[in-house]
Amino acid sequence: MIKLNILEILEKNGKTKYWLYKQMGMSYQNCMKMIHNQTKGIQFSNIELLCQLLDCTPNELFTIIPEKEENS
């Protein structure tokens, strides 16, 4: 499973979910689903924007969780 680290990066940068929602220009529901890892896919343009807004790389944005840990 691939996990987005948005909440951790927001906290590190002293930003809020609301701030990110306003910057992303997407619906509140879709933004919250993305932040809380409840989405099935993400557009490249959103990945790029997230990296710019959060001052991070795609490597920092994503974590791969092995299936063994996922089922625990």
C-alpha atoms as a PDB file:
ATOM      1  CA  MET A   1       0.000   0.000   0.000  1.00  0.00           C
ATOM      2  CA  ILE A   2       1.196   3.510  -0.750  1.00  0.00           C
ATOM      3  CA  LYS A   3       0.535   6.150   1.911  1.00  0.00           C
ATOM      4  CA  LEU A   4       0.590   9.921   1.518  1.00  0.00           C
ATOM      5  CA  ASN A   5       2.511  11.708   4.282  1.00  0.00           C
ATOM      6  CA  ILE A   6       0.606  14.972   3.931  1.00  0.00           C
ATOM      7  CA  LEU A   7      -0.387  15.347   7.596  1.00  0.00           C
ATOM      8  CA  GLU A   8       3.162  14.781   8.812  1.00  0.00           C
ATOM      9  CA  ILE A   9       4.606  17.275   6.319  1.00  0.00           C
ATOM     10  CA  LEU A  10       1.930  19.867   7.130  1.00  0.00           C
ATOM     11  CA  GLU A  11       2.766  19.583  10.827  1.00  0.00           C
ATOM     12  CA  LYS A  12       6.500  19.846  10.142  1.00  0.00           C
ATOM     13  CA  ASN A  13       5.900  23.019   8.096  1.00  0.00           C
ATOM     14  CA  GLY A  14       3.467  24.532  10.617  1.00  0.00           C
ATOM     15  CA  LYS A  15       0.589  24.530   8.112  1.00  0.00           C
ATOM     16  CA  THR A  16      -3.022  23.400   8.503  1.00  0.00           C
ATOM     17  CA  LYS A  17      -5.284  21.130   6.462  1.00  0.00           C
ATOM     18  CA  TYR A  18      -7.490  24.165   5.797  1.00  0.00           C
ATOM     19  CA  TRP A  19      -4.508  26.098   4.408  1.00  0.00           C
ATOM     20  CA  LEU A  20      -3.704  23.228   2.062  1.00  0.00           C
ATOM     21  CA  TYR A  21      -7.337  22.898   0.968  1.00  0.00           C
ATOM     22  CA  LYS A  22      -7.440  26.602   0.034  1.00  0.00           C
ATOM     23  CA  GLN A  23      -4.139  26.338  -1.888  1.00  0.00           C
ATOM     24  CA  MET A  24      -5.093  23.167  -3.793  1.00  0.00           C
ATOM     25  CA  GLY A  25      -8.214  24.593  -5.424  1.00  0.00           C
ATOM     26  CA  MET A  26     -10.146  21.323  -5.225  1.00  0.00           C
ATOM     27  CA  SER A  27     -13.333  20.424  -3.396  1.00  0.00           C
ATOM     28  CA  TYR A  28     -13.121  20.152   0.373  1.00  0.00           C
ATOM     29  CA  GLN A  29     -14.269  16.511   0.278  1.00  0.00           C
ATOM     30  CA  ASN A  30     -11.662  15.455  -2.276  1.00  0.00           C
ATOM     31  CA  CYS A  31      -8.906  17.314  -0.475  1.00  0.00           C
ATOM     32  CA  MET A  32      -9.765  15.681   2.870  1.00  0.00           C
ATOM     33  CA  LYS A  33      -9.935  12.237   1.239  1.00  0.00           C
ATOM     34  CA  MET A  34      -6.466  12.784  -0.194  1.00  0.00           C
ATOM     35  CA  ILE A  35      -5.049  14.079   3.099  1.00  0.00           C
ATOM     36  CA  HIS A  36      -6.465  11.112   5.024  1.00  0.00           C
ATOM     37  CA  ASN A  37      -5.377   8.476   2.476  1.00  0.00           C
ATOM     38  CA  GLN A  38      -8.925   7.602   1.454  1.00  0.00           C
ATOM     39  CA  THR A  39      -8.450   8.084  -2.281  1.00  0.00           C
ATOM     40  CA  LYS A  40      -7.748   5.458  -4.927  1.00  0.00           C
ATOM     41  CA  GLY A  41      -5.680   7.714  -7.196  1.00  0.00           C
ATOM     42  CA  ILE A  42      -4.003  11.080  -7.482  1.00  0.00           C
ATOM     43  CA  GLN A  43      -3.243  13.153 -10.577  1.00  0.00           C
ATOM     44  CA  PHE A  44       0.343  14.032 -11.441  1.00  0.00           C
ATOM     45  CA  SER A  45      -0.601  17.709 -11.417  1.00  0.00           C
ATOM     46  CA  ASN A  46      -1.787  17.350  -7.797  1.00  0.00           C
ATOM     47  CA  ILE A  47       1.434  15.561  -6.830  1.00  0.00           C
ATOM     48  CA  GLU A  48       3.441  18.384  -8.371  1.00  0.00           C
ATOM     49  CA  LEU A  49       1.349  21.056  -6.619  1.00  0.00           C
ATOM     50  CA  LEU A  50       1.611  19.249  -3.269  1.00  0.00           C
ATOM     51  CA  CYS A  51       5.391  19.078  -3.612  1.00  0.00           C
ATOM     52  CA  GLN A  52       5.562  22.788  -4.410  1.00  0.00           C
ATOM     53  CA  LEU A  53       3.220  23.835  -1.594  1.00  0.00           C
ATOM     54  CA  LEU A  54       4.763  21.543   1.014  1.00  0.00           C
ATOM     55  CA  ASP A  55       8.341  22.134  -0.150  1.00  0.00           C
ATOM     56  CA  CYS A  56       9.021  18.412  -0.455  1.00  0.00           C
ATOM     57  CA  THR A  57       9.923  15.792  -3.040  1.00  0.00           C
ATOM     58  CA  PRO A  58       7.667  12.960  -4.236  1.00  0.00           C
ATOM     59  CA  ASN A  59       9.952  10.645  -2.215  1.00  0.00           C
ATOM     60  CA  GLU A  60       9.024  12.513   0.964  1.00  0.00           C
ATOM     61  CA  LEU A  61       5.352  12.676   0.006  1.00  0.00           C
ATOM     62  CA  PHE A  62       4.859   8.911  -0.351  1.00  0.00           C
ATOM     63  CA  THR A  63       5.659   5.912   1.840  1.00  0.00           C
ATOM     64  CA  ILE A  64       5.276   2.287   0.794  1.00  0.00           C
ATOM     65  CA  ILE A  65       3.884   0.092   3.550  1.00  0.00           C
ATOM     66  CA  PRO A  66       4.599  -3.611   3.024  1.00  0.00           C
ATOM     67  CA  GLU A  67       1.511  -5.841   3.052  1.00  0.00           C
ATOM     68  CA  LYS A  68       2.649  -7.658   6.229  1.00  0.00           C
ATOM     69  CA  GLU A  69       2.553  -4.379   8.206  1.00  0.00           C
ATOM     70  CA  GLU A  70      -0.674  -3.326   6.482  1.00  0.00           C
ATOM     71  CA  ASN A  71      -2.543  -6.397   7.758  1.00  0.00           C
ATOM     72  CA  SER A  72      -1.250  -6.108  11.338  1.00  0.00           C
END
